[in-house]
Amino acid sequence: MKSRTEATRLPENQVDRQTLLKRGGISAVGGALLLGAPATALAAGAGKAAPPWAGRRRKVIWATPAIGDWNFPLDVGFLEAASFVGWKYQKVGVPEASFSLENSVNNLERAIQAKPDVLITLVFDKALLKPLAKAQKKGILVIANNVGIDERKELNIAYVGASFADSGVLNANLMGKELLKLGRKSGVIVFGNQTPGGLPLEQRYLWTTKGLADFNKKNGTSFTTQVLADKSTGDIGVSISIYKAKFTQLGDKLVGLCGLGLQSMVAQLKTLQELGTKPGTIPIGGFDTSPDVNKGNAAGYIKYAIDQQLYLQGFAPVILAWQQLARGFV
């Protein structure tokens, strides 16, 4: 996990979005990866045979509770790791706007019915443990990525992902330092929440507020926070309107913007650009990176982005699963 204070350039050998989708046999529709029945995404992975050293070809499914742009780096990691060991990768999920615990449980049931060798998913609620235990009884190797509550340990489920506590405190300190640079000692930081009720975003906010409280004590500041359900996973125009209304409500009291997820940070960026706000006068920070975020960083609007290494959250679980199933190392 690292903060980026400069614009990030993609490595010369990194494939672009369309090239990767075509290579993986995936069709892009409205930012989501769609194949199969409505509200279900199946991303077809590598079709080639496993190399001789890799062992038996297997199928890995990522059951994501929310299909959105943030999935893309994970899909890259999943596809490249699956291609490396000759496995097949599929994705099952619903659009981010349809996120719910009920849909997430149903999503796991669909994934189990597909009979994968490996099931990788976000374990963000205890209600998910029952279907995951069912998967294990069927001989499916289960690994958590992106989110892994402590209760998963009861099922001996490994976790690949960032610490919400560490990243939240980091977020608080980075934003606080940016505001101090502007001579700000008080004011409201507005946090965009694209999926209210989602554990990752709620935990990021919780730990950021704890970190900000400590920052205030240490630096003699009195920054406060407000959370805005910004609907940034839907129509970006609607989200921009929501932010403009909040700007009108708070006026000069608004001193900073934070995106608890990728889409929120992009909506905040586009809002400031539409309003003609001078870059840097209202700093934006938050979680995850994307081409839009990098451009906003280069333009001076987005001061930092905390990268939780989404690519590795796709790549590493496949390799960990392979070393266990093909080599016996847990």
C-alpha atoms as a PDB file:
ATOM      1  CA  MET A   1       0.000   0.000   0.000  1.00  0.00           C
ATOM      2  CA  LYS A   2       1.475   3.372  -0.919  1.00  0.00           C
ATOM      3  CA  SER A   3       0.393   6.933  -1.393  1.00  0.00           C
ATOM      4  CA  ARG A   4       1.009   8.605  -4.709  1.00  0.00           C
ATOM      5  CA  THR A   5       1.881  12.276  -4.659  1.00  0.00           C
ATOM      6  CA  GLU A   6       2.895  12.417  -8.285  1.00  0.00           C
ATOM      7  CA  ALA A   7       1.190  11.475 -11.539  1.00  0.00           C
ATOM      8  CA  THR A   8       1.783   7.820 -12.302  1.00  0.00           C
ATOM      9  CA  ARG A   9       2.787   6.675 -15.769  1.00  0.00           C
ATOM     10  CA  LEU A  10       1.922   3.175 -16.873  1.00  0.00           C
ATOM     11  CA  PRO A  11       4.895   0.905 -17.608  1.00  0.00           C
ATOM     12  CA  GLU A  12       5.645   0.553 -21.306  1.00  0.00           C
ATOM     13  CA  ASN A  13       4.810  -3.161 -21.211  1.00  0.00           C
ATOM     14  CA  GLN A  14       1.439  -2.740 -19.467  1.00  0.00           C
ATOM     15  CA  VAL A  15      -1.525  -3.671 -21.639  1.00  0.00           C
ATOM     16  CA  ASP A  16      -4.341  -1.192 -22.006  1.00  0.00           C
ATOM     17  CA  ARG A  17      -7.948  -1.945 -21.066  1.00  0.00           C
ATOM     18  CA  GLN A  18      -9.243  -2.918 -24.510  1.00  0.00           C
ATOM     19  CA  THR A  19      -6.202  -5.033 -25.356  1.00  0.00           C
ATOM     20  CA  LEU A  20      -6.533  -6.994 -22.144  1.00  0.00           C
ATOM     21  CA  LEU A  21     -10.271  -7.527 -22.547  1.00  0.00           C
ATOM     22  CA  LYS A  22      -9.819  -8.830 -26.069  1.00  0.00           C
ATOM     23  CA  ARG A  23      -6.941 -11.059 -25.024  1.00  0.00           C
ATOM     24  CA  GLY A  24      -9.032 -12.530 -22.211  1.00  0.00           C
ATOM     25  CA  GLY A  25     -12.094 -13.008 -24.385  1.00  0.00           C
ATOM     26  CA  ILE A  26     -14.109 -10.474 -22.368  1.00  0.00           C
ATOM     27  CA  SER A  27     -16.595  -7.977 -23.730  1.00  0.00           C
ATOM     28  CA  ALA A  28     -16.910  -4.581 -22.041  1.00  0.00           C
ATOM     29  CA  VAL A  29     -20.394  -3.115 -21.643  1.00  0.00           C
ATOM     30  CA  GLY A  30     -20.802   0.129 -19.722  1.00  0.00           C
ATOM     31  CA  GLY A  31     -17.651  -0.468 -17.728  1.00  0.00           C
ATOM     32  CA  ALA A  32     -18.760  -3.931 -16.573  1.00  0.00           C
ATOM     33  CA  LEU A  33     -17.603  -7.305 -17.811  1.00  0.00           C
ATOM     34  CA  LEU A  34     -20.681  -9.063 -19.066  1.00  0.00           C
ATOM     35  CA  LEU A  35     -21.248 -12.555 -20.351  1.00  0.00           C
ATOM     36  CA  GLY A  36     -24.100 -14.872 -19.487  1.00  0.00           C
ATOM     37  CA  ALA A  37     -27.399 -14.085 -17.755  1.00  0.00           C
ATOM     38  CA  PRO A  38     -28.439 -10.529 -16.808  1.00  0.00           C
ATOM     39  CA  ALA A  39     -26.966  -9.260 -13.523  1.00  0.00           C
ATOM     40  CA  THR A  40     -24.312 -11.971 -13.713  1.00  0.00           C
ATOM     41  CA  ALA A  41     -20.833 -11.400 -15.099  1.00  0.00           C
ATOM     42  CA  LEU A  42     -18.625 -14.256 -16.216  1.00  0.00           C
ATOM     43  CA  ALA A  43     -15.178 -13.241 -17.404  1.00  0.00           C
ATOM     44  CA  ALA A  44     -13.686 -16.052 -19.486  1.00  0.00           C
ATOM     45  CA  GLY A  45     -10.077 -16.682 -18.614  1.00  0.00           C
ATOM     46  CA  ALA A  46      -7.169 -18.261 -20.430  1.00  0.00           C
ATOM     47  CA  GLY A  47      -8.176 -21.073 -22.774  1.00  0.00           C
ATOM     48  CA  LYS A  48      -4.783 -22.642 -23.346  1.00  0.00           C
ATOM     49  CA  ALA A  49      -3.713 -25.931 -21.786  1.00  0.00           C
ATOM     50  CA  ALA A  50      -1.719 -25.895 -18.560  1.00  0.00           C
ATOM     51  CA  PRO A  51       2.064 -25.999 -19.039  1.00  0.00           C
ATOM     52  CA  PRO A  52       3.591 -29.405 -18.173  1.00  0.00           C
ATOM     53  CA  TRP A  53       5.028 -28.199 -14.873  1.00  0.00           C
ATOM     54  CA  ALA A  54       1.760 -26.623 -13.682  1.00  0.00           C
ATOM     55  CA  GLY A  55      -0.229 -29.778 -13.049  1.00  0.00           C
ATOM     56  CA  ARG A  56      -3.919 -30.341 -13.735  1.00  0.00           C
ATOM     57  CA  ARG A  57      -5.864 -27.496 -15.274  1.00  0.00           C
ATOM     58  CA  ARG A  58      -8.322 -25.973 -12.795  1.00  0.00           C
ATOM     59  CA  LYS A  59     -11.063 -23.365 -12.671  1.00  0.00           C
ATOM     60  CA  VAL A  60     -10.986 -20.343 -10.396  1.00  0.00           C
ATOM     61  CA  ILE A  61     -14.015 -18.102  -9.813  1.00  0.00           C
ATOM     62  CA  TRP A  62     -13.964 -14.650  -8.297  1.00  0.00           C
ATOM     63  CA  ALA A  63     -17.344 -13.882  -6.722  1.00  0.00           C
ATOM     64  CA  THR A  64     -17.455 -10.106  -6.398  1.00  0.00           C
ATOM     65  CA  PRO A  65     -20.440  -8.467  -4.684  1.00  0.00           C
ATOM     66  CA  ALA A  66     -20.060  -5.375  -6.846  1.00  0.00           C
ATOM     67  CA  ILE A  67     -18.994  -5.103 -10.482  1.00  0.00           C
ATOM     68  CA  GLY A  68     -17.451  -1.719 -11.191  1.00  0.00           C
ATOM     69  CA  ASP A  69     -14.401   0.016 -12.616  1.00  0.00           C
ATOM     70  CA  TRP A  70     -12.428  -0.896  -9.492  1.00  0.00           C
ATOM     71  CA  ASN A  71     -12.621  -4.544 -10.635  1.00  0.00           C
ATOM     72  CA  PHE A  72     -10.409  -3.965 -13.643  1.00  0.00           C
ATOM     73  CA  PRO A  73      -6.958  -4.212 -11.981  1.00  0.00           C
ATOM     74  CA  LEU A  74      -8.095  -7.382 -10.203  1.00  0.00           C
ATOM     75  CA  ASP A  75      -9.312  -8.879 -13.479  1.00  0.00           C
ATOM     76  CA  VAL A  76      -5.896  -8.167 -14.971  1.00  0.00           C
ATOM     77  CA  GLY A  77      -4.220  -9.947 -12.067  1.00  0.00           C
ATOM     78  CA  PHE A  78      -6.609 -12.902 -12.184  1.00  0.00           C
ATOM     79  CA  LEU A  79      -6.276 -13.324 -15.945  1.00  0.00           C
ATOM     80  CA  GLU A  80      -2.498 -13.072 -15.990  1.00  0.00           C
ATOM     81  CA  ALA A  81      -2.016 -15.483 -13.080  1.00  0.00           C
ATOM     82  CA  ALA A  82      -4.528 -17.938 -14.571  1.00  0.00           C
ATOM     83  CA  SER A  83      -2.789 -17.713 -17.936  1.00  0.00           C
ATOM     84  CA  PHE A  84       0.575 -18.357 -16.269  1.00  0.00           C
ATOM     85  CA  VAL A  85      -0.546 -21.671 -14.733  1.00  0.00           C
ATOM     86  CA  GLY A  86      -3.002 -22.619 -17.489  1.00  0.00           C
ATOM     87  CA  TRP A  87      -6.139 -22.261 -15.373  1.00  0.00           C
ATOM     88  CA  LYS A  88      -9.541 -20.887 -16.361  1.00  0.00           C
ATOM     89  CA  TYR A  89     -10.798 -17.684 -14.719  1.00  0.00           C
ATOM     90  CA  GLN A  90     -14.421 -16.667 -14.353  1.00  0.00           C
ATOM     91  CA  LYS A  91     -16.144 -13.821 -12.531  1.00  0.00           C
ATOM     92  CA  VAL A  92     -19.621 -13.830 -11.030  1.00  0.00           C
ATOM     93  CA  GLY A  93     -21.290 -10.721  -9.646  1.00  0.00           C
ATOM     94  CA  VAL A  94     -23.911  -8.003  -9.916  1.00  0.00           C
ATOM     95  CA  PRO A  95     -23.488  -4.321 -10.867  1.00  0.00           C
ATOM     96  CA  GLU A  96     -22.271  -2.150  -8.011  1.00  0.00           C
ATOM     97  CA  ALA A  97     -25.576  -0.238  -7.925  1.00  0.00           C
ATOM     98  CA  SER A  98     -27.308  -3.547  -7.035  1.00  0.00           C
ATOM     99  CA  PHE A  99     -24.996  -4.332  -4.126  1.00  0.00           C
ATOM    100  CA  SER A 100     -26.694  -5.955  -1.129  1.00  0.00           C
ATOM    101  CA  LEU A 101     -25.907  -8.690   1.374  1.00  0.00           C
ATOM    102  CA  GLU A 102     -28.713 -10.839  -0.027  1.00  0.00           C
ATOM    103  CA  ASN A 103     -27.357 -10.513  -3.565  1.00  0.00           C
ATOM    104  CA  SER A 104     -23.880 -11.318  -2.287  1.00  0.00           C
ATOM    105  CA  VAL A 105     -25.054 -14.553  -0.627  1.00  0.00           C
ATOM    106  CA  ASN A 106     -26.944 -15.534  -3.797  1.00  0.00           C
ATOM    107  CA  ASN A 107     -23.838 -14.696  -5.774  1.00  0.00           C
ATOM    108  CA  LEU A 108     -21.804 -17.188  -3.752  1.00  0.00           C
ATOM    109  CA  GLU A 109     -24.451 -19.869  -4.277  1.00  0.00           C
ATOM    110  CA  ARG A 110     -24.219 -19.344  -8.062  1.00  0.00           C
ATOM    111  CA  ALA A 111     -20.452 -19.568  -7.888  1.00  0.00           C
ATOM    112  CA  ILE A 112     -20.598 -22.831  -5.921  1.00  0.00           C
ATOM    113  CA  GLN A 113     -23.034 -24.314  -8.450  1.00  0.00           C
ATOM    114  CA  ALA A 114     -20.443 -23.653 -11.167  1.00  0.00           C
ATOM    115  CA  LYS A 115     -18.166 -26.173  -9.362  1.00  0.00           C
ATOM    116  CA  PRO A 116     -14.858 -24.284  -9.329  1.00  0.00           C
ATOM    117  CA  ASP A 117     -11.688 -25.714  -7.862  1.00  0.00           C
ATOM    118  CA  VAL A 118     -10.994 -22.343  -6.220  1.00  0.00           C
ATOM    119  CA  LEU A 119     -13.474 -19.728  -4.993  1.00  0.00           C
ATOM    120  CA  ILE A 120     -12.144 -16.262  -4.215  1.00  0.00           C
ATOM    121  CA  THR A 121     -14.448 -13.640  -2.743  1.00  0.00           C
ATOM    122  CA  LEU A 122     -14.805 -10.629  -0.465  1.00  0.00           C
ATOM    123  CA  VAL A 123     -15.678 -11.838   3.038  1.00  0.00           C
ATOM    124  CA  PHE A 124     -17.312  -8.750   4.526  1.00  0.00           C
ATOM    125  CA  ASP A 125     -20.153 -10.194   6.629  1.00  0.00           C
ATOM    126  CA  LYS A 126     -20.716 -13.234   8.843  1.00  0.00           C
ATOM    127  CA  ALA A 127     -23.717 -14.187   6.689  1.00  0.00           C
ATOM    128  CA  LEU A 128     -21.265 -15.200   3.973  1.00  0.00           C
ATOM    129  CA  LEU A 129     -19.585 -17.816   6.155  1.00  0.00           C
ATOM    130  CA  LYS A 130     -22.370 -20.404   5.772  1.00  0.00           C
ATOM    131  CA  PRO A 131     -22.140 -20.670   1.958  1.00  0.00           C
ATOM    132  CA  LEU A 132     -18.349 -20.566   2.181  1.00  0.00           C
ATOM    133  CA  ALA A 133     -18.389 -23.483   4.631  1.00  0.00           C
ATOM    134  CA  LYS A 134     -20.653 -25.278   2.158  1.00  0.00           C
ATOM    135  CA  ALA A 135     -18.083 -24.644  -0.583  1.00  0.00           C
ATOM    136  CA  GLN A 136     -15.298 -26.093   1.566  1.00  0.00           C
ATOM    137  CA  LYS A 137     -17.331 -29.228   2.263  1.00  0.00           C
ATOM    138  CA  LYS A 138     -17.581 -29.704  -1.493  1.00  0.00           C
ATOM    139  CA  GLY A 139     -13.780 -29.634  -1.723  1.00  0.00           C
ATOM    140  CA  ILE A 140     -13.522 -26.066  -3.046  1.00  0.00           C
ATOM    141  CA  LEU A 141     -10.516 -24.061  -1.864  1.00  0.00           C
ATOM    142  CA  VAL A 142     -11.761 -20.711  -0.526  1.00  0.00           C
ATOM    143  CA  ILE A 143      -9.609 -17.575  -0.309  1.00  0.00           C
ATOM    144  CA  ALA A 144     -10.702 -14.064   0.735  1.00  0.00           C
ATOM    145  CA  ASN A 145      -9.486 -10.992  -1.096  1.00  0.00           C
ATOM    146  CA  ASN A 146     -10.064  -7.219  -0.765  1.00  0.00           C
ATOM    147  CA  VAL A 147     -12.097  -7.714   2.441  1.00  0.00           C
ATOM    148  CA  GLY A 148     -11.593 -10.396   5.075  1.00  0.00           C
ATOM    149  CA  ILE A 149     -13.352 -10.089   8.435  1.00  0.00           C
ATOM    150  CA  ASP A 150     -11.733 -11.849  11.393  1.00  0.00           C
ATOM    151  CA  GLU A 151     -14.541 -14.422  11.570  1.00  0.00           C
ATOM    152  CA  ARG A 152     -13.193 -15.988   8.341  1.00  0.00           C
ATOM    153  CA  LYS A 153     -10.381 -17.447  10.476  1.00  0.00           C
ATOM    154  CA  GLU A 154     -12.917 -19.872  11.959  1.00  0.00           C
ATOM    155  CA  LEU A 155     -12.953 -21.535   8.519  1.00  0.00           C
ATOM    156  CA  ASN A 156      -9.187 -21.146   8.049  1.00  0.00           C
ATOM    157  CA  ILE A 157      -9.713 -18.843   5.063  1.00  0.00           C
ATOM    158  CA  ALA A 158      -6.616 -16.921   4.012  1.00  0.00           C
ATOM    159  CA  TYR A 159      -6.855 -13.211   3.157  1.00  0.00           C
ATOM    160  CA  VAL A 160      -5.080 -11.139   0.511  1.00  0.00           C
ATOM    161  CA  GLY A 161      -5.757  -7.427   0.907  1.00  0.00           C
ATOM    162  CA  ALA A 162      -5.004  -4.163   2.671  1.00  0.00           C
ATOM    163  CA  SER A 163      -5.505  -3.209   6.317  1.00  0.00           C
ATOM    164  CA  PHE A 164      -8.443  -0.826   6.707  1.00  0.00           C
ATOM    165  CA  ALA A 165      -7.005   0.464   9.979  1.00  0.00           C
ATOM    166  CA  ASP A 166      -3.608   1.320   8.512  1.00  0.00           C
ATOM    167  CA  SER A 167      -4.987   2.833   5.318  1.00  0.00           C
ATOM    168  CA  GLY A 168      -7.601   4.876   7.194  1.00  0.00           C
ATOM    169  CA  VAL A 169      -5.019   6.423   9.516  1.00  0.00           C
ATOM    170  CA  LEU A 170      -2.747   7.081   6.538  1.00  0.00           C
ATOM    171  CA  ASN A 171      -5.635   8.802   4.762  1.00  0.00           C
ATOM    172  CA  ALA A 172      -6.290  11.054   7.756  1.00  0.00           C
ATOM    173  CA  ASN A 173      -2.671  12.127   8.037  1.00  0.00           C
ATOM    174  CA  LEU A 174      -2.243  12.770   4.327  1.00  0.00           C
ATOM    175  CA  MET A 175      -5.384  14.928   4.159  1.00  0.00           C
ATOM    176  CA  GLY A 176      -4.506  16.768   7.365  1.00  0.00           C
ATOM    177  CA  LYS A 177      -1.047  17.631   6.049  1.00  0.00           C
ATOM    178  CA  GLU A 178      -2.497  18.911   2.762  1.00  0.00           C
ATOM    179  CA  LEU A 179      -4.889  21.194   4.633  1.00  0.00           C
ATOM    180  CA  LEU A 180      -2.113  22.514   6.862  1.00  0.00           C
ATOM    181  CA  LYS A 181      -0.134  23.405   3.745  1.00  0.00           C
ATOM    182  CA  LEU A 182      -3.078  25.597   2.733  1.00  0.00           C
ATOM    183  CA  GLY A 183      -3.110  27.280   6.154  1.00  0.00           C
ATOM    184  CA  ARG A 184      -6.332  25.559   7.176  1.00  0.00           C
ATOM    185  CA  LYS A 185      -6.899  24.773  10.847  1.00  0.00           C
ATOM    186  CA  SER A 186     -10.598  23.913  10.808  1.00  0.00           C
ATOM    187  CA  GLY A 187     -13.411  23.071   8.422  1.00  0.00           C
ATOM    188  CA  VAL A 188     -15.391  20.148   7.038  1.00  0.00           C
ATOM    189  CA  ILE A 189     -13.951  17.311   4.983  1.00  0.00           C
ATOM    190  CA  VAL A 190     -16.656  15.692   2.858  1.00  0.00           C
ATOM    191  CA  PHE A 191     -16.330  11.950   2.296  1.00  0.00           C
ATOM    192  CA  GLY A 192     -18.003  10.411  -0.733  1.00  0.00           C
ATOM    193  CA  ASN A 193     -19.479   6.946  -0.148  1.00  0.00           C
ATOM    194  CA  GLN A 194     -20.450   5.267  -3.409  1.00  0.00           C
ATOM    195  CA  THR A 195     -21.919   2.141  -1.752  1.00  0.00           C
ATOM    196  CA  PRO A 196     -23.363   2.995   1.686  1.00  0.00           C
ATOM    197  CA  GLY A 197     -23.346  -0.032   3.949  1.00  0.00           C
ATOM    198  CA  GLY A 198     -20.397  -1.656   2.192  1.00  0.00           C
ATOM    199  CA  LEU A 199     -17.911  -2.785   4.822  1.00  0.00           C
ATOM    200  CA  PRO A 200     -14.688  -1.647   3.078  1.00  0.00           C
ATOM    201  CA  LEU A 201     -15.886   1.933   2.666  1.00  0.00           C
ATOM    202  CA  GLU A 202     -17.443   2.072   6.122  1.00  0.00           C
ATOM    203  CA  GLN A 203     -14.208   0.787   7.691  1.00  0.00           C
ATOM    204  CA  ARG A 204     -12.097   3.242   5.736  1.00  0.00           C
ATOM    205  CA  TYR A 205     -14.272   6.067   7.034  1.00  0.00           C
ATOM    206  CA  LEU A 206     -14.225   4.747  10.614  1.00  0.00           C
ATOM    207  CA  TRP A 207     -10.445   4.512  10.760  1.00  0.00           C
ATOM    208  CA  THR A 208      -9.969   7.818   8.944  1.00  0.00           C
ATOM    209  CA  THR A 209     -12.090   9.591  11.580  1.00  0.00           C
ATOM    210  CA  LYS A 210     -10.045   7.942  14.328  1.00  0.00           C
ATOM    211  CA  GLY A 211      -6.841   9.006  12.622  1.00  0.00           C
ATOM    212  CA  LEU A 212      -8.174  12.533  12.118  1.00  0.00           C
ATOM    213  CA  ALA A 213      -9.040  12.818  15.811  1.00  0.00           C
ATOM    214  CA  ASP A 214      -5.426  11.997  16.654  1.00  0.00           C
ATOM    215  CA  PHE A 215      -4.209  14.425  13.988  1.00  0.00           C
ATOM    216  CA  ASN A 216      -6.328  17.210  15.483  1.00  0.00           C
ATOM    217  CA  LYS A 217      -4.869  16.600  18.970  1.00  0.00           C
ATOM    218  CA  LYS A 218      -1.297  16.600  17.726  1.00  0.00           C
ATOM    219  CA  ASN A 219      -1.596  19.621  15.449  1.00  0.00           C
ATOM    220  CA  GLY A 220      -4.063  21.899  17.237  1.00  0.00           C
ATOM    221  CA  THR A 221      -6.598  21.576  14.433  1.00  0.00           C
ATOM    222  CA  SER A 222     -10.352  20.949  14.577  1.00  0.00           C
ATOM    223  CA  PHE A 223     -11.280  19.322  11.281  1.00  0.00           C
ATOM    224  CA  THR A 224     -14.639  17.554  11.154  1.00  0.00           C
ATOM    225  CA  THR A 225     -16.166  15.152   8.652  1.00  0.00           C
ATOM    226  CA  GLN A 226     -19.421  14.521   6.808  1.00  0.00           C
ATOM    227  CA  VAL A 227     -20.334  11.474   4.705  1.00  0.00           C
ATOM    228  CA  LEU A 228     -22.204  11.916   1.452  1.00  0.00           C
ATOM    229  CA  ALA A 229     -23.993   9.081  -0.355  1.00  0.00           C
ATOM    230  CA  ASP A 230     -22.934  10.444  -3.736  1.00  0.00           C
ATOM    231  CA  LYS A 231     -24.443   7.816  -6.094  1.00  0.00           C
ATOM    232  CA  SER A 232     -21.212   7.909  -8.086  1.00  0.00           C
ATOM    233  CA  THR A 233     -21.661   4.328  -9.278  1.00  0.00           C
ATOM    234  CA  GLY A 234     -24.579   5.456 -11.441  1.00  0.00           C
ATOM    235  CA  ASP A 235     -25.030   8.593 -13.543  1.00  0.00           C
ATOM    236  CA  ILE A 236     -21.983  10.813 -12.963  1.00  0.00           C
ATOM    237  CA  GLY A 237     -24.141  13.854 -13.696  1.00  0.00           C
ATOM    238  CA  VAL A 238     -26.406  13.014 -10.763  1.00  0.00           C
ATOM    239  CA  SER A 239     -23.371  12.623  -8.514  1.00  0.00           C
ATOM    240  CA  ILE A 240     -21.980  15.982  -9.573  1.00  0.00           C
ATOM    241  CA  SER A 241     -25.332  17.613  -8.759  1.00  0.00           C
ATOM    242  CA  ILE A 242     -25.236  16.056  -5.282  1.00  0.00           C
ATOM    243  CA  TYR A 243     -21.781  17.488  -4.663  1.00  0.00           C
ATOM    244  CA  LYS A 244     -22.765  20.930  -5.940  1.00  0.00           C
ATOM    245  CA  ALA A 245     -25.670  20.978  -3.495  1.00  0.00           C
ATOM    246  CA  LYS A 246     -23.327  20.084  -0.648  1.00  0.00           C
ATOM    247  CA  PHE A 247     -20.937  22.846  -1.723  1.00  0.00           C
ATOM    248  CA  THR A 248     -23.795  25.351  -1.570  1.00  0.00           C
ATOM    249  CA  GLN A 249     -24.812  24.085   1.875  1.00  0.00           C
ATOM    250  CA  LEU A 250     -21.345  24.247   3.438  1.00  0.00           C
ATOM    251  CA  GLY A 251     -19.879  27.221   1.599  1.00  0.00           C
ATOM    252  CA  ASP A 252     -16.448  28.208   2.900  1.00  0.00           C
ATOM    253  CA  LYS A 253     -16.660  25.588   5.657  1.00  0.00           C
ATOM    254  CA  LEU A 254     -15.850  22.882   3.088  1.00  0.00           C
ATOM    255  CA  VAL A 255     -12.083  22.495   3.037  1.00  0.00           C
ATOM    256  CA  GLY A 256     -11.385  19.039   1.591  1.00  0.00           C
ATOM    257  CA  LEU A 257     -12.839  16.092  -0.315  1.00  0.00           C
ATOM    258  CA  CYS A 258     -12.146  12.409   0.172  1.00  0.00           C
ATOM    259  CA  GLY A 259     -13.312   9.483  -1.943  1.00  0.00           C
ATOM    260  CA  LEU A 260     -13.830   6.302   0.052  1.00  0.00           C
ATOM    261  CA  GLY A 261     -13.837   4.502  -3.297  1.00  0.00           C
ATOM    262  CA  LEU A 262     -12.651   5.111  -6.833  1.00  0.00           C
ATOM    263  CA  GLN A 263     -15.894   6.416  -8.352  1.00  0.00           C
ATOM    264  CA  SER A 264     -16.404   8.938  -5.549  1.00  0.00           C
ATOM    265  CA  MET A 265     -12.983  10.450  -6.114  1.00  0.00           C
ATOM    266  CA  VAL A 266     -13.639  10.736  -9.858  1.00  0.00           C
ATOM    267  CA  ALA A 267     -17.000  12.429  -9.188  1.00  0.00           C
ATOM    268  CA  GLN A 268     -15.322  14.891  -6.836  1.00  0.00           C
ATOM    269  CA  LEU A 269     -12.690  15.668  -9.458  1.00  0.00           C
ATOM    270  CA  LYS A 270     -15.256  16.320 -12.179  1.00  0.00           C
ATOM    271  CA  THR A 271     -17.306  18.504  -9.816  1.00  0.00           C
ATOM    272  CA  LEU A 272     -14.378  20.814  -9.098  1.00  0.00           C
ATOM    273  CA  GLN A 273     -13.541  20.968 -12.796  1.00  0.00           C
ATOM    274  CA  GLU A 274     -17.131  21.886 -13.698  1.00  0.00           C
ATOM    275  CA  LEU A 275     -17.195  24.578 -11.028  1.00  0.00           C
ATOM    276  CA  GLY A 276     -13.944  26.031 -12.329  1.00  0.00           C
ATOM    277  CA  THR A 277     -12.284  25.626  -8.940  1.00  0.00           C
ATOM    278  CA  LYS A 278      -8.564  26.341  -8.997  1.00  0.00           C
ATOM    279  CA  PRO A 279      -6.584  23.087  -8.614  1.00  0.00           C
ATOM    280  CA  GLY A 280      -5.373  22.513  -5.068  1.00  0.00           C
ATOM    281  CA  THR A 281      -7.629  25.009  -3.298  1.00  0.00           C
ATOM    282  CA  ILE A 282      -9.918  22.162  -2.178  1.00  0.00           C
ATOM    283  CA  PRO A 283      -7.640  19.112  -2.034  1.00  0.00           C
ATOM    284  CA  ILE A 284      -8.978  15.704  -3.024  1.00  0.00           C
ATOM    285  CA  GLY A 285      -7.617  12.465  -1.640  1.00  0.00           C
ATOM    286  CA  GLY A 286      -8.834   8.937  -1.293  1.00  0.00           C
ATOM    287  CA  PHE A 287      -8.544   5.288  -2.160  1.00  0.00           C
ATOM    288  CA  ASP A 288      -7.630   3.500  -5.397  1.00  0.00           C
ATOM    289  CA  THR A 289      -6.110   4.709  -8.633  1.00  0.00           C
ATOM    290  CA  SER A 290      -7.225   4.881 -12.250  1.00  0.00           C
ATOM    291  CA  PRO A 291      -6.349   6.867 -15.394  1.00  0.00           C
ATOM    292  CA  ASP A 292      -8.847   9.572 -14.322  1.00  0.00           C
ATOM    293  CA  VAL A 293      -7.312   9.742 -10.855  1.00  0.00           C
ATOM    294  CA  ASN A 294      -3.802   9.956 -12.281  1.00  0.00           C
ATOM    295  CA  LYS A 295      -4.854  12.782 -14.606  1.00  0.00           C
ATOM    296  CA  GLY A 296      -6.481  14.593 -11.694  1.00  0.00           C
ATOM    297  CA  ASN A 297      -3.279  14.154  -9.734  1.00  0.00           C
ATOM    298  CA  ALA A 298      -1.176  15.557 -12.571  1.00  0.00           C
ATOM    299  CA  ALA A 299      -3.537  18.545 -12.844  1.00  0.00           C
ATOM    300  CA  GLY A 300      -3.156  19.310  -9.143  1.00  0.00           C
ATOM    301  CA  TYR A 301      -6.713  18.520  -8.019  1.00  0.00           C
ATOM    302  CA  ILE A 302      -6.044  15.110  -6.457  1.00  0.00           C
ATOM    303  CA  LYS A 303      -3.219  15.381  -3.957  1.00  0.00           C
ATOM    304  CA  TYR A 304      -2.819  11.700  -3.169  1.00  0.00           C
ATOM    305  CA  ALA A 305      -4.367   8.296  -3.779  1.00  0.00           C
ATOM    306  CA  ILE A 306      -3.842   5.289  -1.522  1.00  0.00           C
ATOM    307  CA  ASP A 307      -3.149   2.287  -3.713  1.00  0.00           C
ATOM    308  CA  GLN A 308      -4.310  -0.951  -2.090  1.00  0.00           C
ATOM    309  CA  GLN A 309      -2.613  -3.030  -4.808  1.00  0.00           C
ATOM    310  CA  LEU A 310      -5.749  -4.337  -6.506  1.00  0.00           C
ATOM    311  CA  TYR A 311      -3.705  -6.097  -9.184  1.00  0.00           C
ATOM    312  CA  LEU A 312      -2.016  -8.250  -6.544  1.00  0.00           C
ATOM    313  CA  GLN A 313      -5.393  -8.968  -4.953  1.00  0.00           C
ATOM    314  CA  GLY A 314      -6.200 -10.802  -8.175  1.00  0.00           C
ATOM    315  CA  PHE A 315      -2.787 -12.250  -9.005  1.00  0.00           C
ATOM    316  CA  ALA A 316      -1.658 -13.454  -5.575  1.00  0.00           C
ATOM    317  CA  PRO A 317      -4.711 -15.579  -4.617  1.00  0.00           C
ATOM    318  CA  VAL A 318      -4.407 -17.611  -7.834  1.00  0.00           C
ATOM    319  CA  ILE A 319      -0.720 -18.267  -7.220  1.00  0.00           C
ATOM    320  CA  LEU A 320      -1.386 -19.164  -3.570  1.00  0.00           C
ATOM    321  CA  ALA A 321      -4.131 -21.550  -4.689  1.00  0.00           C
ATOM    322  CA  TRP A 322      -1.862 -23.085  -7.315  1.00  0.00           C
ATOM    323  CA  GLN A 323       0.987 -23.693  -4.865  1.00  0.00           C
ATOM    324  CA  GLN A 324      -1.457 -25.433  -2.496  1.00  0.00           C
ATOM    325  CA  LEU A 325      -3.292 -27.555  -5.063  1.00  0.00           C
ATOM    326  CA  ALA A 326      -0.347 -28.336  -7.343  1.00  0.00           C
ATOM    327  CA  ARG A 327       2.509 -28.452  -4.827  1.00  0.00           C
ATOM    328  CA  GLY A 328       0.866 -29.056  -1.457  1.00  0.00           C
ATOM    329  CA  PHE A 329       2.143 -25.883   0.198  1.00  0.00           C
ATOM    330  CA  VAL A 330      -0.503 -24.064   2.261  1.00  0.00           C
END
